[in-house]
C-alpha atoms as a PDB file:
ATOM      1  CA  UNK A   1      -8.576   7.673  10.101  1.00  0.00           C
ATOM      2  CA  UNK A   2     -12.293   7.984   9.335  1.00  0.00           C
ATOM      3  CA  UNK A   3     -13.711  11.506   9.491  1.00  0.00           C
ATOM      4  CA  UNK A   4     -17.102  12.258  10.751  1.00  0.00           C
ATOM      5  CA  UNK A   5     -19.663  11.529   7.953  1.00  0.00           C
ATOM      6  CA  UNK A   6     -17.781   8.995   6.359  1.00  0.00           C
ATOM      7  CA  UNK A   7     -18.579   5.187   6.696  1.00  0.00           C
ATOM      8  CA  UNK A   8     -16.296   2.339   6.032  1.00  0.00           C
ATOM      9  CA  UNK A   9     -17.605  -1.035   5.003  1.00  0.00           C
ATOM     10  CA  UNK A  10     -15.618  -4.199   4.475  1.00  0.00           C
ATOM     11  CA  UNK A  11     -15.586  -7.511   2.465  1.00  0.00           C
ATOM     12  CA  UNK A  12     -12.770  -9.944   2.519  1.00  0.00           C
ATOM     13  CA  UNK A  13     -10.704 -11.133  -0.532  1.00  0.00           C
ATOM     14  CA  UNK A  14     -11.044 -14.504   0.254  1.00  0.00           C
ATOM     15  CA  UNK A  15      -7.475 -16.286   0.403  1.00  0.00           C
ATOM     16  CA  UNK A  16      -6.036 -19.388   2.654  1.00  0.00           C
ATOM     17  CA  UNK A  17      -3.333 -18.487   4.953  1.00  0.00           C
ATOM     18  CA  UNK A  18      -0.600 -20.398   3.187  1.00  0.00           C
ATOM     19  CA  UNK A  19       3.167 -20.659   4.393  1.00  0.00           C
ATOM     20  CA  UNK A  20       5.308 -18.313   2.448  1.00  0.00           C
ATOM     21  CA  UNK A  21       8.783 -19.620   2.441  1.00  0.00           C
ATOM     22  CA  UNK A  22      10.039 -18.933  -1.103  1.00  0.00           C
ATOM     23  CA  UNK A  23       9.167 -17.018  -4.419  1.00  0.00           C
ATOM     24  CA  UNK A  24       7.152 -19.983  -5.415  1.00  0.00           C
ATOM     25  CA  UNK A  25       4.831 -20.151  -2.594  1.00  0.00           C
ATOM     26  CA  UNK A  26       4.368 -16.471  -2.809  1.00  0.00           C
ATOM     27  CA  UNK A  27       3.326 -16.864  -6.446  1.00  0.00           C
ATOM     28  CA  UNK A  28       0.947 -19.327  -5.435  1.00  0.00           C
ATOM     29  CA  UNK A  29      -0.744 -16.981  -2.878  1.00  0.00           C
ATOM     30  CA  UNK A  30      -0.920 -14.415  -5.701  1.00  0.00           C
ATOM     31  CA  UNK A  31      -2.832 -16.603  -7.676  1.00  0.00           C
ATOM     32  CA  UNK A  32      -5.147 -17.407  -4.793  1.00  0.00           C
ATOM     33  CA  UNK A  33      -5.880 -13.569  -4.364  1.00  0.00           C
ATOM     34  CA  UNK A  34      -6.482 -12.988  -8.220  1.00  0.00           C
ATOM     35  CA  UNK A  35      -9.202 -15.926  -8.313  1.00  0.00           C
ATOM     36  CA  UNK A  36     -11.313 -14.170  -5.576  1.00  0.00           C
ATOM     37  CA  UNK A  37     -10.394 -10.425  -6.128  1.00  0.00           C
ATOM     38  CA  UNK A  38     -13.377  -9.648  -8.715  1.00  0.00           C
ATOM     39  CA  UNK A  39     -15.953 -11.744  -6.602  1.00  0.00           C
ATOM     40  CA  UNK A  40     -14.989  -9.603  -3.658  1.00  0.00           C
ATOM     41  CA  UNK A  41     -15.735  -6.393  -5.879  1.00  0.00           C
ATOM     42  CA  UNK A  42     -19.193  -8.043  -6.431  1.00  0.00           C
ATOM     43  CA  UNK A  43     -19.689  -8.363  -2.791  1.00  0.00           C
ATOM     44  CA  UNK A  44     -18.642  -4.958  -1.848  1.00  0.00           C
ATOM     45  CA  UNK A  45     -20.918  -3.396  -4.394  1.00  0.00           C
ATOM     46  CA  UNK A  46     -24.063  -5.077  -2.537  1.00  0.00           C
ATOM     47  CA  UNK A  47     -23.179  -2.154   0.047  1.00  0.00           C
ATOM     48  CA  UNK A  48     -23.674   0.625  -2.588  1.00  0.00           C
ATOM     49  CA  UNK A  49     -20.198   2.327  -1.866  1.00  0.00           C
ATOM     50  CA  UNK A  50     -19.324   5.603  -3.331  1.00  0.00           C
ATOM     51  CA  UNK A  51     -15.616   4.489  -3.591  1.00  0.00           C
ATOM     52  CA  UNK A  52     -13.709   1.317  -3.214  1.00  0.00           C
ATOM     53  CA  UNK A  53     -10.385   0.860  -1.724  1.00  0.00           C
ATOM     54  CA  UNK A  54      -8.437  -2.258  -2.622  1.00  0.00           C
ATOM     55  CA  UNK A  55      -6.842  -3.165   0.893  1.00  0.00           C
ATOM     56  CA  UNK A  56      -4.472  -5.482  -0.755  1.00  0.00           C
ATOM     57  CA  UNK A  57      -1.235  -4.221  -2.237  1.00  0.00           C
ATOM     58  CA  UNK A  58       1.130  -6.830  -3.858  1.00  0.00           C
ATOM     59  CA  UNK A  59      -1.125  -7.242  -6.876  1.00  0.00           C
ATOM     60  CA  UNK A  60      -1.225  -3.492  -7.328  1.00  0.00           C
ATOM     61  CA  UNK A  61       2.575  -3.392  -8.176  1.00  0.00           C
ATOM     62  CA  UNK A  62       2.623  -6.482 -10.627  1.00  0.00           C
ATOM     63  CA  UNK A  63       3.699  -5.781 -13.909  1.00  0.00           C
ATOM     64  CA  UNK A  64       4.790  -2.096 -13.148  1.00  0.00           C
ATOM     65  CA  UNK A  65       2.640   1.048 -13.796  1.00  0.00           C
ATOM     66  CA  UNK A  66       0.959  -0.677 -16.912  1.00  0.00           C
ATOM     67  CA  UNK A  67      -0.202  -3.586 -14.788  1.00  0.00           C
ATOM     68  CA  UNK A  68      -1.504  -1.347 -12.051  1.00  0.00           C
ATOM     69  CA  UNK A  69      -3.183   0.766 -14.433  1.00  0.00           C
ATOM     70  CA  UNK A  70      -4.824  -2.319 -15.927  1.00  0.00           C
ATOM     71  CA  UNK A  71      -5.999  -3.605 -12.481  1.00  0.00           C
ATOM     72  CA  UNK A  72      -7.684  -0.633 -11.439  1.00  0.00           C
ATOM     73  CA  UNK A  73      -9.630  -0.275 -14.833  1.00  0.00           C
ATOM     74  CA  UNK A  74     -10.763  -3.808 -14.601  1.00  0.00           C
ATOM     75  CA  UNK A  75     -11.992  -2.963 -11.017  1.00  0.00           C
ATOM     76  CA  UNK A  76     -13.762  -0.023 -11.969  1.00  0.00           C
ATOM     77  CA  UNK A  77     -15.305  -1.652 -14.904  1.00  0.00           C
ATOM     78  CA  UNK A  78     -16.460  -4.572 -12.558  1.00  0.00           C
ATOM     79  CA  UNK A  79     -17.795  -1.905  -9.956  1.00  0.00           C
ATOM     80  CA  UNK A  80     -19.963  -0.277 -12.876  1.00  0.00           C
ATOM     81  CA  UNK A  81     -17.852   2.864 -12.940  1.00  0.00           C
ATOM     82  CA  UNK A  82     -17.520   3.383  -9.113  1.00  0.00           C
ATOM     83  CA  UNK A  83     -14.059   4.891  -8.343  1.00  0.00           C
ATOM     84  CA  UNK A  84     -11.348   2.781  -7.131  1.00  0.00           C
ATOM     85  CA  UNK A  85      -8.207   3.482  -4.998  1.00  0.00           C
ATOM     86  CA  UNK A  86      -5.144   0.880  -5.157  1.00  0.00           C
ATOM     87  CA  UNK A  87      -2.057   1.080  -3.178  1.00  0.00           C
ATOM     88  CA  UNK A  88       0.581   1.618  -5.693  1.00  0.00           C
ATOM     89  CA  UNK A  89      -1.020   4.407  -7.527  1.00  0.00           C
ATOM     90  CA  UNK A  90      -2.137   6.053  -3.958  1.00  0.00           C
ATOM     91  CA  UNK A  91       1.310   5.993  -2.820  1.00  0.00           C
ATOM     92  CA  UNK A  92       2.592   7.524  -6.048  1.00  0.00           C
ATOM     93  CA  UNK A  93       0.047  10.343  -5.549  1.00  0.00           C
ATOM     94  CA  UNK A  94       1.265  10.680  -1.910  1.00  0.00           C
ATOM     95  CA  UNK A  95       4.812  10.978  -2.878  1.00  0.00           C
ATOM     96  CA  UNK A  96       3.676  13.700  -5.614  1.00  0.00           C
ATOM     97  CA  UNK A  97       1.826  15.490  -2.740  1.00  0.00           C
ATOM     98  CA  UNK A  98       5.060  16.336  -1.291  1.00  0.00           C
ATOM     99  CA  UNK A  99       6.594  17.684  -4.233  1.00  0.00           C
ATOM    100  CA  UNK A 100       9.836  16.853  -5.728  1.00  0.00           C
ATOM    101  CA  UNK A 101      10.732  13.661  -4.142  1.00  0.00           C
ATOM    102  CA  UNK A 102      12.618  11.426  -6.640  1.00  0.00           C
ATOM    103  CA  UNK A 103      14.818   9.075  -4.464  1.00  0.00           C
ATOM    104  CA  UNK A 104      13.152   6.464  -2.126  1.00  0.00           C
ATOM    105  CA  UNK A 105      13.682   3.444   0.272  1.00  0.00           C
ATOM    106  CA  UNK A 106      11.192   0.893   0.391  1.00  0.00           C
ATOM    107  CA  UNK A 107       9.932  -1.636   2.946  1.00  0.00           C
ATOM    108  CA  UNK A 108       7.860  -4.782   2.316  1.00  0.00           C
ATOM    109  CA  UNK A 109       6.775  -7.886   3.982  1.00  0.00           C
ATOM    110  CA  UNK A 110       7.505  -9.758   0.774  1.00  0.00           C
ATOM    111  CA  UNK A 111       9.639 -12.200  -0.861  1.00  0.00           C
ATOM    112  CA  UNK A 112      12.063 -11.275  -3.446  1.00  0.00           C
ATOM    113  CA  UNK A 113       9.751 -12.004  -6.344  1.00  0.00           C
ATOM    114  CA  UNK A 114       7.447  -9.132  -5.292  1.00  0.00           C
ATOM    115  CA  UNK A 115       9.956  -6.860  -4.175  1.00  0.00           C
ATOM    116  CA  UNK A 116      11.198  -7.041  -7.942  1.00  0.00           C
ATOM    117  CA  UNK A 117       7.536  -6.040  -9.038  1.00  0.00           C
ATOM    118  CA  UNK A 118       7.515  -3.213  -6.415  1.00  0.00           C
ATOM    119  CA  UNK A 119      10.765  -1.897  -7.733  1.00  0.00           C
ATOM    120  CA  UNK A 120       9.626  -2.003 -11.233  1.00  0.00           C
ATOM    121  CA  UNK A 121       6.573   0.214 -10.584  1.00  0.00           C
ATOM    122  CA  UNK A 122       8.330   2.892  -8.833  1.00  0.00           C
ATOM    123  CA  UNK A 123      10.994   3.015 -11.569  1.00  0.00           C
ATOM    124  CA  UNK A 124       8.299   3.022 -14.161  1.00  0.00           C
ATOM    125  CA  UNK A 125       6.919   6.000 -12.409  1.00  0.00           C
ATOM    126  CA  UNK A 126      10.239   7.785 -12.463  1.00  0.00           C
ATOM    127  CA  UNK A 127      11.488   7.265  -8.841  1.00  0.00           C
ATOM    128  CA  UNK A 128      14.851   6.104  -8.117  1.00  0.00           C
ATOM    129  CA  UNK A 129      14.565   3.178  -5.699  1.00  0.00           C
ATOM    130  CA  UNK A 130      17.873   3.148  -3.397  1.00  0.00           C
ATOM    131  CA  UNK A 131      16.919  -0.073  -1.709  1.00  0.00           C
ATOM    132  CA  UNK A 132      13.893  -2.338  -0.952  1.00  0.00           C
ATOM    133  CA  UNK A 133      14.045  -4.244   2.227  1.00  0.00           C
ATOM    134  CA  UNK A 134      11.730  -7.309   2.234  1.00  0.00           C
ATOM    135  CA  UNK A 135      11.015  -8.858   5.555  1.00  0.00           C
ATOM    136  CA  UNK A 136      10.019 -12.364   3.946  1.00  0.00           C
ATOM    137  CA  UNK A 137       7.134 -12.879   6.458  1.00  0.00           C
ATOM    138  CA  UNK A 138       6.323 -16.343   6.792  1.00  0.00           C
ATOM    139  CA  UNK A 139       2.439 -16.130   5.788  1.00  0.00           C
ATOM    140  CA  UNK A 140       0.157 -13.771   4.883  1.00  0.00           C
ATOM    141  CA  UNK A 141      -1.226 -13.731   8.431  1.00  0.00           C
ATOM    142  CA  UNK A 142       2.208 -13.557  10.068  1.00  0.00           C
ATOM    143  CA  UNK A 143       2.539 -10.265   8.180  1.00  0.00           C
ATOM    144  CA  UNK A 144       0.615  -8.764  10.637  1.00  0.00           C
ATOM    145  CA  UNK A 145       2.665  -9.916  13.631  1.00  0.00           C
ATOM    146  CA  UNK A 146       5.721  -8.387  12.648  1.00  0.00           C
ATOM    147  CA  UNK A 147       6.873  -6.461  15.748  1.00  0.00           C
ATOM    148  CA  UNK A 148       7.155  -2.601  15.748  1.00  0.00           C
ATOM    149  CA  UNK A 149      10.504  -2.680  16.965  1.00  0.00           C
ATOM    150  CA  UNK A 150      11.460  -4.670  13.784  1.00  0.00           C
ATOM    151  CA  UNK A 151       9.776  -2.288  11.497  1.00  0.00           C
ATOM    152  CA  UNK A 152      11.876   0.676  13.309  1.00  0.00           C
ATOM    153  CA  UNK A 153      15.049  -1.134  12.508  1.00  0.00           C
ATOM    154  CA  UNK A 154      14.147  -1.721   8.914  1.00  0.00           C
ATOM    155  CA  UNK A 155      13.174   2.107   8.641  1.00  0.00           C
ATOM    156  CA  UNK A 156      16.775   2.867  10.044  1.00  0.00           C
ATOM    157  CA  UNK A 157      18.449   0.424   7.786  1.00  0.00           C
ATOM    158  CA  UNK A 158      16.606   2.115   4.600  1.00  0.00           C
ATOM    159  CA  UNK A 159      17.298   5.648   5.637  1.00  0.00           C
ATOM    160  CA  UNK A 160      20.491   7.541   4.414  1.00  0.00           C
ATOM    161  CA  UNK A 161      21.304  11.128   3.380  1.00  0.00           C
ATOM    162  CA  UNK A 162      20.339  10.596  -0.064  1.00  0.00           C
ATOM    163  CA  UNK A 163      16.705   9.272   0.540  1.00  0.00           C
ATOM    164  CA  UNK A 164      14.071  11.799   0.360  1.00  0.00           C
ATOM    165  CA  UNK A 165      11.143   9.632   1.569  1.00  0.00           C
ATOM    166  CA  UNK A 166      10.520   5.992   2.736  1.00  0.00           C
ATOM    167  CA  UNK A 167       7.684   3.910   1.547  1.00  0.00           C
ATOM    168  CA  UNK A 168       5.900   0.986   3.085  1.00  0.00           C
ATOM    169  CA  UNK A 169       4.139  -1.734   1.080  1.00  0.00           C
ATOM    170  CA  UNK A 170       2.051  -4.693   2.238  1.00  0.00           C
ATOM    171  CA  UNK A 171      -1.301  -3.684   3.652  1.00  0.00           C
ATOM    172  CA  UNK A 172      -1.367  -6.590   6.379  1.00  0.00           C
ATOM    173  CA  UNK A 173       1.902  -4.767   7.817  1.00  0.00           C
ATOM    174  CA  UNK A 174       0.736  -2.670  10.845  1.00  0.00           C
ATOM    175  CA  UNK A 175       2.975   0.286  10.030  1.00  0.00           C
ATOM    176  CA  UNK A 176       0.667   3.530   9.905  1.00  0.00           C
ATOM    177  CA  UNK A 177       1.470   4.553  13.481  1.00  0.00           C
ATOM    178  CA  UNK A 178       5.107   3.563  13.251  1.00  0.00           C
ATOM    179  CA  UNK A 179       5.306   5.635  10.171  1.00  0.00           C
ATOM    180  CA  UNK A 180       3.974   8.619  11.925  1.00  0.00           C
ATOM    181  CA  UNK A 181       6.702   8.212  14.687  1.00  0.00           C
ATOM    182  CA  UNK A 182       9.333   7.453  12.434  1.00  0.00           C
ATOM    183  CA  UNK A 183       8.718  10.843  10.524  1.00  0.00           C
ATOM    184  CA  UNK A 184       9.779  12.528  13.952  1.00  0.00           C
ATOM    185  CA  UNK A 185      13.103  10.803  14.067  1.00  0.00           C
ATOM    186  CA  UNK A 186      14.225  10.742  10.658  1.00  0.00           C
ATOM    187  CA  UNK A 187      12.762  14.128   9.721  1.00  0.00           C
ATOM    188  CA  UNK A 188      11.450  12.932   6.305  1.00  0.00           C
ATOM    189  CA  UNK A 189       7.947  11.748   4.779  1.00  0.00           C
ATOM    190  CA  UNK A 190       7.525   7.921   5.685  1.00  0.00           C
ATOM    191  CA  UNK A 191       4.400   6.763   3.698  1.00  0.00           C
ATOM    192  CA  UNK A 192       2.373   3.724   5.009  1.00  0.00           C
ATOM    193  CA  UNK A 193       0.486   2.189   2.169  1.00  0.00           C
ATOM    194  CA  UNK A 194      -2.788   1.920   4.161  1.00  0.00           C
ATOM    195  CA  UNK A 195      -2.451   5.482   5.227  1.00  0.00           C
ATOM    196  CA  UNK A 196      -1.960   6.563   1.563  1.00  0.00           C
ATOM    197  CA  UNK A 197      -4.751   4.569   0.162  1.00  0.00           C
ATOM    198  CA  UNK A 198      -7.130   5.768   2.662  1.00  0.00           C
ATOM    199  CA  UNK A 199      -6.041   9.520   2.042  1.00  0.00           C
ATOM    200  CA  UNK A 200      -6.136   8.905  -1.704  1.00  0.00           C
ATOM    201  CA  UNK A 201      -9.892   7.912  -1.252  1.00  0.00           C
ATOM    202  CA  UNK A 202     -10.677  10.764   0.837  1.00  0.00           C
ATOM    203  CA  UNK A 203      -9.004  13.444  -1.328  1.00  0.00           C
ATOM    204  CA  UNK A 204     -10.485  11.990  -4.574  1.00  0.00           C
ATOM    205  CA  UNK A 205     -13.717  12.422  -3.264  1.00  0.00           C
ATOM    206  CA  UNK A 206     -13.161  15.972  -1.893  1.00  0.00           C
ATOM    207  CA  UNK A 207     -13.063  15.206   1.607  1.00  0.00           C
ATOM    208  CA  UNK A 208     -10.200  17.347   3.038  1.00  0.00           C
ATOM    209  CA  UNK A 209     -10.384  16.603   6.793  1.00  0.00           C
ATOM    210  CA  UNK A 210      -7.010  16.829   8.482  1.00  0.00           C
ATOM    211  CA  UNK A 211      -6.321  13.728  10.792  1.00  0.00           C
ATOM    212  CA  UNK A 212      -4.046  13.544  13.683  1.00  0.00           C
ATOM    213  CA  UNK A 213      -1.816  10.437  14.618  1.00  0.00           C
ATOM    214  CA  UNK A 214      -1.229   8.920  11.226  1.00  0.00           C
ATOM    215  CA  UNK A 215       1.632  11.158  10.027  1.00  0.00           C
ATOM    216  CA  UNK A 216       2.134  14.352   7.816  1.00  0.00           C
ATOM    217  CA  UNK A 217       0.216  12.958   4.707  1.00  0.00           C
ATOM    218  CA  UNK A 218      -3.239  12.979   6.441  1.00  0.00           C
ATOM    219  CA  UNK A 219      -2.531  15.817   8.602  1.00  0.00           C
ATOM    220  CA  UNK A 220      -1.046  18.358   5.946  1.00  0.00           C
ATOM    221  CA  UNK A 221      -1.778  17.079   2.438  1.00  0.00           C
END
C-alpha cells in the first residue's frame, strides 16, 4: 500500500501469545496490551514519524466512541502532538467516504466480550449493525493463520440484501486482499481495517495516491 516517497517504520506492542479460549482469557490479553501500548508509542517516536498508526484494533473499540476518542487523545499527548490514526475511527471515516452507508455487517477474530465492544462503537457512531461474526481465533498469533476460504465464507454469511457494507476488525487477520476480491462478488464496499487505517493516515496527511489491489477505498476515495 505504500506510495513512493512514504516510509513505514515499525515497533511492536509487546504481548505474550496467550491462548484465547473464552472471554476471560481475551480480557487478560487486553490487559497485556494496555500495559505496553504507551511504551510502544515512546519507541515509535525515536523514529521521528510524521504520523502514527496503531496497528492493534480491539482496544480502539473498547468503551465505544468515547473510549476510542479518549485512547487517541492519550496517544497524541504521549506522542507530543504527532497525529495518530486508530482503527475504529479510521473505519468510521472510510464508511463515511462512501456516502450514506448506515447498515453494516462486521467480521472479527474476537471472542464475544470484544464483539460487544465493536457493536457498541458502531452503534454509538450511528450505524445499524445487522450482525457481528466473531471467529473466536484461539490465540493472538493464530488470528493471522485463519484461512482465506474461511474468511470468504464469513463474508457470504454476513452479506444479505439489507447490508450496505461489510467491515472487518482485528488487525492480525489477513483480510486486505480478501476484501478486495469480496467487493467483486458481492458488489458492495468491503472494508478491511488495515486498509482503512493506512488509507486514513495517507489522506489525513494530504497524500492522495490511488493504490491498486486493495479494493475501492484506496483506489477511489
